[in-house]
Amino acid sequence: MNLPNKLTVLRVLFIPAVMVCILWDAIPYRWLLGGICFGLASLTDMLDGRIARSRNLITDFGKLMDPVADKMLVMSTLVCFVQAEICGAWVVAIILFREFLVTSMRMVAVDKGLVISANLWGKVKTVTQMVAIVGIFCAEALYEFDFLIPRAAGDVLLGVSMVILYAAVIATIASGAVYVYDCRDLFKDM
């Protein structure tokens, strides 16, 4: 197994650690630890693609598992945020619906010999999701240090992060709509 694929597997292994940190309140400084785990997992996402492209180490495993690992990391974190009563289930439902829709369209396209590349809205969606999630981890970590940092700092950061998360939902809807429009020829035989 090459280095980029090992990094992808490592990202998947970080997922349970992130989930345990969010959901198990017996862990001291769990939001700080969870944020660090999420950040490291996100870093492996950035590194594996760069290394694979620069060293020509692109494999079928990487093509399949890299996007799956990304979706698993983001979706499991957001589901845990719902359980922790940080965001509503509707946020996760919209994002999950879009992921299933676009992945299904890509599978149909591949079957027809076509490749559907990421669009600008998809990239905006990904960036806003990651920024919002990291912001939420940071805000919750600030609350853990409220003996040093005023609680209002966490409130402000959480508020900004939630606005960014709602922007991610809008970008999610927009990117899904663009994918459907761009792939309308896939559905001509319906």
C-alpha atoms as a PDB file:
ATOM      1  CA  MET A   1       0.000   0.000   0.000  1.00  0.00           C
ATOM      2  CA  ASN A   2       1.459   3.358  -1.020  1.00  0.00           C
ATOM      3  CA  LEU A   3       1.697   6.461   1.191  1.00  0.00           C
ATOM      4  CA  PRO A   4      -1.385   8.293  -0.146  1.00  0.00           C
ATOM      5  CA  ASN A   5      -3.529   5.197   0.424  1.00  0.00           C
ATOM      6  CA  LYS A   6      -2.122   4.804   3.939  1.00  0.00           C
ATOM      7  CA  LEU A   7      -3.097   8.414   4.639  1.00  0.00           C
ATOM      8  CA  THR A   8      -6.627   7.705   3.387  1.00  0.00           C
ATOM      9  CA  VAL A   9      -6.880   4.676   5.690  1.00  0.00           C
ATOM     10  CA  LEU A  10      -5.533   6.794   8.556  1.00  0.00           C
ATOM     11  CA  ARG A  11      -8.307   9.341   7.893  1.00  0.00           C
ATOM     12  CA  VAL A  12     -10.899   6.589   8.237  1.00  0.00           C
ATOM     13  CA  LEU A  13      -9.275   5.451  11.493  1.00  0.00           C
ATOM     14  CA  PHE A  14      -9.556   8.985  12.899  1.00  0.00           C
ATOM     15  CA  ILE A  15     -13.356   8.917  12.490  1.00  0.00           C
ATOM     16  CA  PRO A  16     -14.138   6.821  15.600  1.00  0.00           C
ATOM     17  CA  ALA A  17     -11.776   9.000  17.653  1.00  0.00           C
ATOM     18  CA  VAL A  18     -13.589  12.149  16.512  1.00  0.00           C
ATOM     19  CA  MET A  19     -16.963  10.576  17.283  1.00  0.00           C
ATOM     20  CA  VAL A  20     -15.935   9.371  20.748  1.00  0.00           C
ATOM     21  CA  CYS A  21     -14.577  12.818  21.607  1.00  0.00           C
ATOM     22  CA  ILE A  22     -17.834  14.502  20.628  1.00  0.00           C
ATOM     23  CA  LEU A  23     -20.178  12.011  22.256  1.00  0.00           C
ATOM     24  CA  TRP A  24     -18.397  10.903  25.419  1.00  0.00           C
ATOM     25  CA  ASP A  25     -18.452  13.755  27.888  1.00  0.00           C
ATOM     26  CA  ALA A  26     -16.266  11.893  30.394  1.00  0.00           C
ATOM     27  CA  ILE A  27     -13.215  12.725  28.269  1.00  0.00           C
ATOM     28  CA  PRO A  28     -11.459  15.819  29.607  1.00  0.00           C
ATOM     29  CA  TYR A  29     -11.109  18.534  26.978  1.00  0.00           C
ATOM     30  CA  ARG A  30     -12.998  16.316  24.543  1.00  0.00           C
ATOM     31  CA  TRP A  31     -13.779  19.135  22.098  1.00  0.00           C
ATOM     32  CA  LEU A  32     -10.145  20.165  21.916  1.00  0.00           C
ATOM     33  CA  LEU A  33      -9.093  16.545  21.365  1.00  0.00           C
ATOM     34  CA  GLY A  34     -11.892  15.951  18.862  1.00  0.00           C
ATOM     35  CA  GLY A  35     -10.937  19.098  16.978  1.00  0.00           C
ATOM     36  CA  ILE A  36      -7.310  18.008  16.845  1.00  0.00           C
ATOM     37  CA  CYS A  37      -8.345  14.573  15.540  1.00  0.00           C
ATOM     38  CA  PHE A  38     -10.641  16.157  12.949  1.00  0.00           C
ATOM     39  CA  GLY A  39      -7.904  18.597  11.927  1.00  0.00           C
ATOM     40  CA  LEU A  40      -5.344  15.820  11.526  1.00  0.00           C
ATOM     41  CA  ALA A  41      -7.821  13.749   9.529  1.00  0.00           C
ATOM     42  CA  SER A  42      -8.508  16.743   7.280  1.00  0.00           C
ATOM     43  CA  LEU A  43      -4.773  17.257   6.860  1.00  0.00           C
ATOM     44  CA  THR A  44      -4.414  13.678   5.575  1.00  0.00           C
ATOM     45  CA  ASP A  45      -7.037  14.537   2.945  1.00  0.00           C
ATOM     46  CA  MET A  46      -4.962  17.438   1.688  1.00  0.00           C
ATOM     47  CA  LEU A  47      -1.724  15.465   1.758  1.00  0.00           C
ATOM     48  CA  ASP A  48      -2.851  12.220   0.141  1.00  0.00           C
ATOM     49  CA  GLY A  49      -4.053  13.911  -3.048  1.00  0.00           C
ATOM     50  CA  ARG A  50      -0.980  16.084  -3.391  1.00  0.00           C
ATOM     51  CA  ILE A  51       1.392  13.194  -2.818  1.00  0.00           C
ATOM     52  CA  ALA A  52      -0.526  10.880  -5.164  1.00  0.00           C
ATOM     53  CA  ARG A  53      -0.489  13.427  -7.997  1.00  0.00           C
ATOM     54  CA  SER A  54       3.096  14.619  -7.515  1.00  0.00           C
ATOM     55  CA  ARG A  55       4.541  11.093  -7.303  1.00  0.00           C
ATOM     56  CA  ASN A  56       2.162   9.504  -9.803  1.00  0.00           C
ATOM     57  CA  LEU A  57       0.791   7.161  -7.127  1.00  0.00           C
ATOM     58  CA  ILE A  58      -2.853   7.341  -8.185  1.00  0.00           C
ATOM     59  CA  THR A  59      -4.576   4.001  -7.652  1.00  0.00           C
ATOM     60  CA  ASP A  60      -8.088   2.623  -8.034  1.00  0.00           C
ATOM     61  CA  PHE A  61      -8.203   2.207  -4.240  1.00  0.00           C
ATOM     62  CA  GLY A  62      -7.371   5.895  -3.820  1.00  0.00           C
ATOM     63  CA  LYS A  63      -9.899   6.999  -6.432  1.00  0.00           C
ATOM     64  CA  LEU A  64     -12.601   5.061  -4.597  1.00  0.00           C
ATOM     65  CA  MET A  65     -11.674   5.493  -0.952  1.00  0.00           C
ATOM     66  CA  ASP A  66     -10.442   9.107  -0.861  1.00  0.00           C
ATOM     67  CA  PRO A  67     -13.853  10.680  -1.540  1.00  0.00           C
ATOM     68  CA  VAL A  68     -15.600   8.013   0.555  1.00  0.00           C
ATOM     69  CA  ALA A  69     -13.292   8.726   3.503  1.00  0.00           C
ATOM     70  CA  ASP A  70     -13.970  12.466   3.165  1.00  0.00           C
ATOM     71  CA  LYS A  71     -17.724  11.962   3.190  1.00  0.00           C
ATOM     72  CA  MET A  72     -17.505   9.517   6.117  1.00  0.00           C
ATOM     73  CA  LEU A  73     -15.482  12.016   8.157  1.00  0.00           C
ATOM     74  CA  VAL A  74     -17.755  14.990   7.498  1.00  0.00           C
ATOM     75  CA  MET A  75     -21.055  13.123   7.766  1.00  0.00           C
ATOM     76  CA  SER A  76     -20.162  11.224  10.949  1.00  0.00           C
ATOM     77  CA  THR A  77     -19.005  14.474  12.554  1.00  0.00           C
ATOM     78  CA  LEU A  78     -22.204  16.285  11.572  1.00  0.00           C
ATOM     79  CA  VAL A  79     -24.350  13.395  12.841  1.00  0.00           C
ATOM     80  CA  CYS A  80     -22.524  13.642  16.166  1.00  0.00           C
ATOM     81  CA  PHE A  81     -23.174  17.402  16.179  1.00  0.00           C
ATOM     82  CA  VAL A  82     -26.884  16.598  15.883  1.00  0.00           C
ATOM     83  CA  GLN A  83     -26.615  14.196  18.838  1.00  0.00           C
ATOM     84  CA  ALA A  84     -24.766  16.901  20.793  1.00  0.00           C
ATOM     85  CA  GLU A  85     -27.619  19.321  19.914  1.00  0.00           C
ATOM     86  CA  ILE A  86     -25.325  21.701  18.042  1.00  0.00           C
ATOM     87  CA  CYS A  87     -27.096  21.572  14.695  1.00  0.00           C
ATOM     88  CA  GLY A  88     -30.402  20.301  13.404  1.00  0.00           C
ATOM     89  CA  ALA A  89     -30.920  16.986  11.679  1.00  0.00           C
ATOM     90  CA  TRP A  90     -32.231  18.844   8.619  1.00  0.00           C
ATOM     91  CA  VAL A  91     -28.680  20.139   7.971  1.00  0.00           C
ATOM     92  CA  VAL A  92     -27.333  16.606   7.862  1.00  0.00           C
ATOM     93  CA  ALA A  93     -30.292  15.363   5.811  1.00  0.00           C
ATOM     94  CA  ILE A  94     -29.752  17.979   3.086  1.00  0.00           C
ATOM     95  CA  ILE A  95     -26.015  17.349   2.897  1.00  0.00           C
ATOM     96  CA  LEU A  96     -26.507  13.569   2.921  1.00  0.00           C
ATOM     97  CA  PHE A  97     -29.179  13.770   0.203  1.00  0.00           C
ATOM     98  CA  ARG A  98     -26.844  15.758  -2.039  1.00  0.00           C
ATOM     99  CA  GLU A  99     -23.961  13.335  -1.473  1.00  0.00           C
ATOM    100  CA  PHE A 100     -26.105  10.325  -2.390  1.00  0.00           C
ATOM    101  CA  LEU A 101     -27.517  12.151  -5.422  1.00  0.00           C
ATOM    102  CA  VAL A 102     -24.157  13.257  -6.827  1.00  0.00           C
ATOM    103  CA  THR A 103     -22.475   9.923  -6.082  1.00  0.00           C
ATOM    104  CA  SER A 104     -25.310   8.083  -7.832  1.00  0.00           C
ATOM    105  CA  MET A 105     -25.071  10.368 -10.865  1.00  0.00           C
ATOM    106  CA  ARG A 106     -21.322   9.819 -11.005  1.00  0.00           C
ATOM    107  CA  MET A 107     -21.868   6.044 -10.957  1.00  0.00           C
ATOM    108  CA  VAL A 108     -24.339   6.285 -13.855  1.00  0.00           C
ATOM    109  CA  ALA A 109     -21.928   8.560 -15.732  1.00  0.00           C
ATOM    110  CA  VAL A 110     -19.020   6.152 -15.246  1.00  0.00           C
ATOM    111  CA  ASP A 111     -21.197   3.342 -16.571  1.00  0.00           C
ATOM    112  CA  LYS A 112     -21.721   5.451 -19.704  1.00  0.00           C
ATOM    113  CA  GLY A 113     -18.008   6.228 -20.009  1.00  0.00           C
ATOM    114  CA  LEU A 114     -18.300   9.807 -18.730  1.00  0.00           C
ATOM    115  CA  VAL A 115     -16.474  11.568 -15.929  1.00  0.00           C
ATOM    116  CA  ILE A 116     -18.210  14.207 -13.829  1.00  0.00           C
ATOM    117  CA  SER A 117     -15.667  16.553 -12.332  1.00  0.00           C
ATOM    118  CA  ALA A 118     -16.154  18.698  -9.286  1.00  0.00           C
ATOM    119  CA  ASN A 119     -17.746  22.062  -9.950  1.00  0.00           C
ATOM    120  CA  LEU A 120     -17.058  25.369  -8.237  1.00  0.00           C
ATOM    121  CA  TRP A 121     -20.127  25.014  -5.992  1.00  0.00           C
ATOM    122  CA  GLY A 122     -18.942  21.577  -4.887  1.00  0.00           C
ATOM    123  CA  LYS A 123     -15.609  23.048  -3.873  1.00  0.00           C
ATOM    124  CA  VAL A 124     -17.337  25.915  -2.035  1.00  0.00           C
ATOM    125  CA  LYS A 125     -19.522  23.328  -0.278  1.00  0.00           C
ATOM    126  CA  THR A 126     -16.495  21.350   0.867  1.00  0.00           C
ATOM    127  CA  VAL A 127     -14.565  24.382   2.097  1.00  0.00           C
ATOM    128  CA  THR A 128     -17.528  25.885   3.970  1.00  0.00           C
ATOM    129  CA  GLN A 129     -18.342  22.527   5.593  1.00  0.00           C
ATOM    130  CA  MET A 130     -14.764  22.101   6.795  1.00  0.00           C
ATOM    131  CA  VAL A 131     -14.474  25.701   8.048  1.00  0.00           C
ATOM    132  CA  ALA A 132     -17.809  25.412   9.884  1.00  0.00           C
ATOM    133  CA  ILE A 133     -16.879  22.104  11.508  1.00  0.00           C
ATOM    134  CA  VAL A 134     -13.469  23.358  12.621  1.00  0.00           C
ATOM    135  CA  GLY A 135     -15.111  26.541  13.931  1.00  0.00           C
ATOM    136  CA  ILE A 136     -17.623  24.512  15.939  1.00  0.00           C
ATOM    137  CA  PHE A 137     -14.840  22.409  17.452  1.00  0.00           C
ATOM    138  CA  CYS A 138     -12.927  25.589  18.338  1.00  0.00           C
ATOM    139  CA  ALA A 139     -15.996  27.242  19.889  1.00  0.00           C
ATOM    140  CA  GLU A 140     -16.777  24.178  21.994  1.00  0.00           C
ATOM    141  CA  ALA A 141     -13.111  23.961  23.010  1.00  0.00           C
ATOM    142  CA  LEU A 142     -13.252  27.606  24.114  1.00  0.00           C
ATOM    143  CA  TYR A 143     -16.141  26.685  26.414  1.00  0.00           C
ATOM    144  CA  GLU A 144     -13.880  24.027  27.964  1.00  0.00           C
ATOM    145  CA  PHE A 145     -11.450  26.792  28.866  1.00  0.00           C
ATOM    146  CA  ASP A 146     -14.054  29.245  30.141  1.00  0.00           C
ATOM    147  CA  PHE A 147     -11.999  29.646  33.328  1.00  0.00           C
ATOM    148  CA  LEU A 148      -9.393  31.419  31.141  1.00  0.00           C
ATOM    149  CA  ILE A 149     -11.418  32.775  28.238  1.00  0.00           C
ATOM    150  CA  PRO A 150     -14.740  34.627  28.512  1.00  0.00           C
ATOM    151  CA  ARG A 151     -17.688  32.454  27.527  1.00  0.00           C
ATOM    152  CA  ALA A 152     -18.788  35.150  25.088  1.00  0.00           C
ATOM    153  CA  ALA A 153     -15.786  34.309  22.878  1.00  0.00           C
ATOM    154  CA  GLY A 154     -17.172  30.798  22.385  1.00  0.00           C
ATOM    155  CA  ASP A 155     -20.653  32.205  21.766  1.00  0.00           C
ATOM    156  CA  VAL A 156     -19.386  34.514  19.025  1.00  0.00           C
ATOM    157  CA  LEU A 157     -17.300  31.817  17.358  1.00  0.00           C
ATOM    158  CA  LEU A 158     -20.154  29.307  17.535  1.00  0.00           C
ATOM    159  CA  GLY A 159     -22.541  31.858  16.012  1.00  0.00           C
ATOM    160  CA  VAL A 160     -20.155  32.601  13.147  1.00  0.00           C
ATOM    161  CA  SER A 161     -19.557  28.882  12.616  1.00  0.00           C
ATOM    162  CA  MET A 162     -23.287  28.200  12.434  1.00  0.00           C
ATOM    163  CA  VAL A 163     -23.709  30.946   9.811  1.00  0.00           C
ATOM    164  CA  ILE A 164     -20.920  29.297   7.822  1.00  0.00           C
ATOM    165  CA  LEU A 165     -22.605  25.905   8.251  1.00  0.00           C
ATOM    166  CA  TYR A 166     -25.865  27.348   6.879  1.00  0.00           C
ATOM    167  CA  ALA A 167     -23.852  28.813   3.984  1.00  0.00           C
ATOM    168  CA  ALA A 168     -22.513  25.286   3.446  1.00  0.00           C
ATOM    169  CA  VAL A 169     -26.106  24.035   3.239  1.00  0.00           C
ATOM    170  CA  ILE A 170     -26.861  26.663   0.576  1.00  0.00           C
ATOM    171  CA  ALA A 171     -23.693  25.712  -1.325  1.00  0.00           C
ATOM    172  CA  THR A 172     -24.701  22.044  -0.967  1.00  0.00           C
ATOM    173  CA  ILE A 173     -28.087  22.714  -2.553  1.00  0.00           C
ATOM    174  CA  ALA A 174     -26.534  24.871  -5.287  1.00  0.00           C
ATOM    175  CA  SER A 175     -23.851  22.319  -6.137  1.00  0.00           C
ATOM    176  CA  GLY A 176     -26.414  19.516  -6.257  1.00  0.00           C
ATOM    177  CA  ALA A 177     -28.605  21.580  -8.587  1.00  0.00           C
ATOM    178  CA  VAL A 178     -25.626  22.351 -10.845  1.00  0.00           C
ATOM    179  CA  TYR A 179     -24.696  18.648 -10.982  1.00  0.00           C
ATOM    180  CA  VAL A 180     -28.268  17.696 -11.889  1.00  0.00           C
ATOM    181  CA  TYR A 181     -28.380  20.368 -14.591  1.00  0.00           C
ATOM    182  CA  ASP A 182     -24.947  19.448 -15.986  1.00  0.00           C
ATOM    183  CA  CYS A 183     -25.913  15.759 -16.038  1.00  0.00           C
ATOM    184  CA  ARG A 184     -29.391  16.187 -17.497  1.00  0.00           C
ATOM    185  CA  ASP A 185     -28.342  14.145 -20.557  1.00  0.00           C
ATOM    186  CA  LEU A 186     -27.859  11.122 -18.297  1.00  0.00           C
ATOM    187  CA  PHE A 187     -31.601  11.037 -17.745  1.00  0.00           C
ATOM    188  CA  LYS A 188     -32.775  11.320 -21.373  1.00  0.00           C
ATOM    189  CA  ASP A 189     -33.640   7.632 -21.536  1.00  0.00           C
ATOM    190  CA  MET A 190     -36.057   7.850 -18.583  1.00  0.00           C
END
